[in-house]
Structure formats: C-alpha cells, structure tokens
Amino acid sequence: LQKTLILLQVTLSVVVGKTLMILFPNAMKRYILKMGEKSRMNRNPKFSYENWGPTFFSFKYLQFVLKVKWKRLEDEAYEGHPAPNTPVVTLGGEIRHLLDFMADNRPLILNFGSCT
C-alpha cells in the first residue's frame, strides 16, 4: 500500500512538473536553478543547467525517485524494534548489508564522520 501511494504521489508530481515545464519554461528554469542552489549543484562549474535541468520530470527521473523512496521504506528504524538491514558500501566498493558485519553476540557499533 505504501509503495502504491508513493507511486501515485511521485507520478502526479512528475506529470505536473512536466506540464509546468512545457507551459512556463522560463519560470520552471528559475525554480529548478533555485533548487540547484540549495543542493549546491550550481557550484560545480562542470554542470550547466542544460546538462541536468531538462532531466527533471523525465521518465528516468520518475524511476530514480521511485527507487530511492521505495528503498527508504526499508530503512525506517523504530525504537524497540530490530534495526533495518540497510545496504552499505565497503571501502573496496562492495555492496553489503549492515547486519553482515555482526559477529556472534558482540554489539555492532557505527561511527559516522566526514573529512573535507
């Protein structure tokens, strides 16, 4: 049921977005560029609007958004319930699942950080 609702929501969003891109191309370009500023996409000099802007509200865009939203359904964690077995990527590029790293009865500790 959740996947069906997400499908309807995303499909409606894509149809409305595509319609607005056809009817009001300049306004939608400004809107998409403003969204690009929030995500810092505009700061990359190798990307121009012509490279990525027209892909918004395309069929590939619909597929990608659905894939991400459906995958996130599996990643919800609730207090008192088992942890989700989220996919992770090793330093070697191999895709594994979080609970693959459990060993016997030892606790699994996750340490998050970043380097810039």
Protein backbone atom coordinates (compact mmCIF):
# COMPACT_ATOMS: atom_id res chain seq x y z
CA LEU A 1 0.00 0.00 0.00
CA GLN A 2 2.83 2.41 0.87
CA LYS A 3 4.55 1.75 -2.47
CA THR A 4 1.30 2.40 -4.33
CA LEU A 5 0.78 5.71 -2.54
CA ILE A 6 4.37 6.75 -3.28
CA LEU A 7 3.90 5.76 -6.93
CA LEU A 8 0.79 7.92 -7.19
CA GLN A 9 2.41 10.88 -5.42
CA VAL A 10 5.62 10.82 -7.48
CA THR A 11 3.78 10.21 -10.77
CA LEU A 12 1.44 13.13 -10.10
CA SER A 13 4.41 15.32 -9.19
CA VAL A 14 6.23 14.39 -12.42
CA VAL A 15 3.14 14.97 -14.58
CA VAL A 16 2.50 18.38 -13.00
CA GLY A 17 6.19 19.32 -13.20
CA LYS A 18 6.49 18.27 -16.85
CA THR A 19 3.30 20.18 -17.71
CA LEU A 20 4.63 23.31 -16.00
CA MET A 21 7.98 22.94 -17.84
CA ILE A 22 6.09 22.92 -21.15
CA LEU A 23 3.72 25.79 -20.27
CA PHE A 24 6.16 28.01 -18.34
CA PRO A 25 9.73 27.03 -19.34
CA ASN A 26 11.46 30.18 -18.03
CA ALA A 27 9.71 30.12 -14.65
CA MET A 28 10.48 26.42 -14.21
CA LYS A 29 14.12 27.01 -15.17
CA ARG A 30 14.38 29.66 -12.44
CA TYR A 31 12.69 27.30 -9.96
CA ILE A 32 14.98 24.39 -10.83
CA LEU A 33 18.07 26.62 -10.62
CA LYS A 34 16.91 27.80 -7.19
CA MET A 35 16.61 24.15 -6.10
CA GLY A 36 20.11 23.59 -7.51
CA GLU A 37 21.43 26.39 -5.28
CA LYS A 38 20.05 24.67 -2.18
CA SER A 39 21.75 21.41 -3.11
CA ARG A 40 24.93 23.26 -4.21
CA MET A 41 24.66 21.66 -7.64
CA ASN A 42 25.14 25.10 -9.23
CA ARG A 43 28.58 25.46 -7.64
CA ASN A 44 30.07 22.75 -9.83
CA PRO A 45 31.46 24.54 -12.92
CA LYS A 46 31.26 21.32 -14.96
CA PHE A 47 27.46 21.25 -14.70
CA SER A 48 25.33 23.73 -16.52
CA TYR A 49 21.56 23.86 -16.42
CA GLU A 50 21.44 22.44 -19.94
CA ASN A 51 23.19 19.29 -18.67
CA TRP A 52 20.82 18.44 -15.84
CA GLY A 53 17.81 20.79 -15.86
CA PRO A 54 15.86 19.12 -18.67
CA THR A 55 16.16 15.74 -16.92
CA PHE A 56 13.80 16.92 -14.18
CA PHE A 57 10.38 15.36 -14.53
CA SER A 58 11.55 12.86 -17.18
CA PHE A 59 10.75 9.13 -17.11
CA LYS A 60 14.27 8.38 -15.81
CA TYR A 61 13.73 10.97 -13.08
CA LEU A 62 10.47 9.22 -12.14
CA GLN A 63 12.22 5.83 -11.98
CA PHE A 64 15.08 7.19 -9.86
CA VAL A 65 12.84 8.98 -7.36
CA LEU A 66 10.62 5.90 -7.00
CA LYS A 67 13.65 3.66 -6.44
CA VAL A 68 15.02 5.96 -3.73
CA LYS A 69 11.68 6.45 -1.96
CA TRP A 70 10.84 2.74 -2.06
CA LYS A 71 14.29 1.86 -0.74
CA ARG A 72 13.82 4.31 2.14
CA LEU A 73 10.70 2.42 3.22
CA GLU A 74 13.03 -0.41 4.23
CA ASP A 75 15.33 1.91 6.17
CA GLU A 76 12.89 3.11 8.81
CA ALA A 77 14.03 2.46 12.35
CA TYR A 78 11.68 2.36 15.32
CA GLU A 79 12.61 2.34 18.98
CA GLY A 80 12.30 -1.14 20.45
CA HIS A 81 12.23 -2.83 17.03
CA PRO A 82 15.08 -4.53 15.14
CA ALA A 83 17.43 -2.28 13.19
CA PRO A 84 16.92 -2.16 9.42
CA ASN A 85 19.42 -4.17 7.39
CA THR A 86 20.45 -1.20 5.27
CA PRO A 87 22.77 -1.66 2.27
CA VAL A 88 26.23 -0.14 2.75
CA VAL A 89 29.28 0.16 0.51
CA THR A 90 32.66 -1.05 1.75
CA LEU A 91 35.86 0.92 1.14
CA GLY A 92 36.54 -1.58 -1.65
CA GLY A 93 33.26 -0.65 -3.38
CA GLU A 94 31.47 -3.88 -2.49
CA ILE A 95 27.78 -3.61 -1.58
CA ARG A 96 26.98 -5.41 1.67
CA HIS A 97 24.27 -5.11 4.29
CA LEU A 98 24.75 -3.58 7.70
CA LEU A 99 23.95 -6.73 9.66
CA ASP A 100 26.58 -8.67 7.65
CA PHE A 101 29.12 -7.09 10.00
CA MET A 102 27.61 -8.62 13.15
CA ALA A 103 29.83 -11.17 14.85
CA ASP A 104 28.40 -13.58 17.43
CA ASN A 105 26.81 -11.68 20.32
CA ARG A 106 29.13 -8.70 20.08
CA PRO A 107 27.42 -5.32 19.67
CA LEU A 108 27.77 -3.58 16.32
CA ILE A 109 28.98 -0.02 16.75
CA LEU A 110 28.50 2.51 13.98
CA ASN A 111 30.81 5.50 13.89
CA PHE A 112 29.94 8.29 11.47
CA GLY A 113 32.27 11.07 10.45
CA SER A 114 33.46 13.06 7.49
CA CYS A 115 36.61 14.59 6.11
CA THR A 116 36.64 17.70 4.00
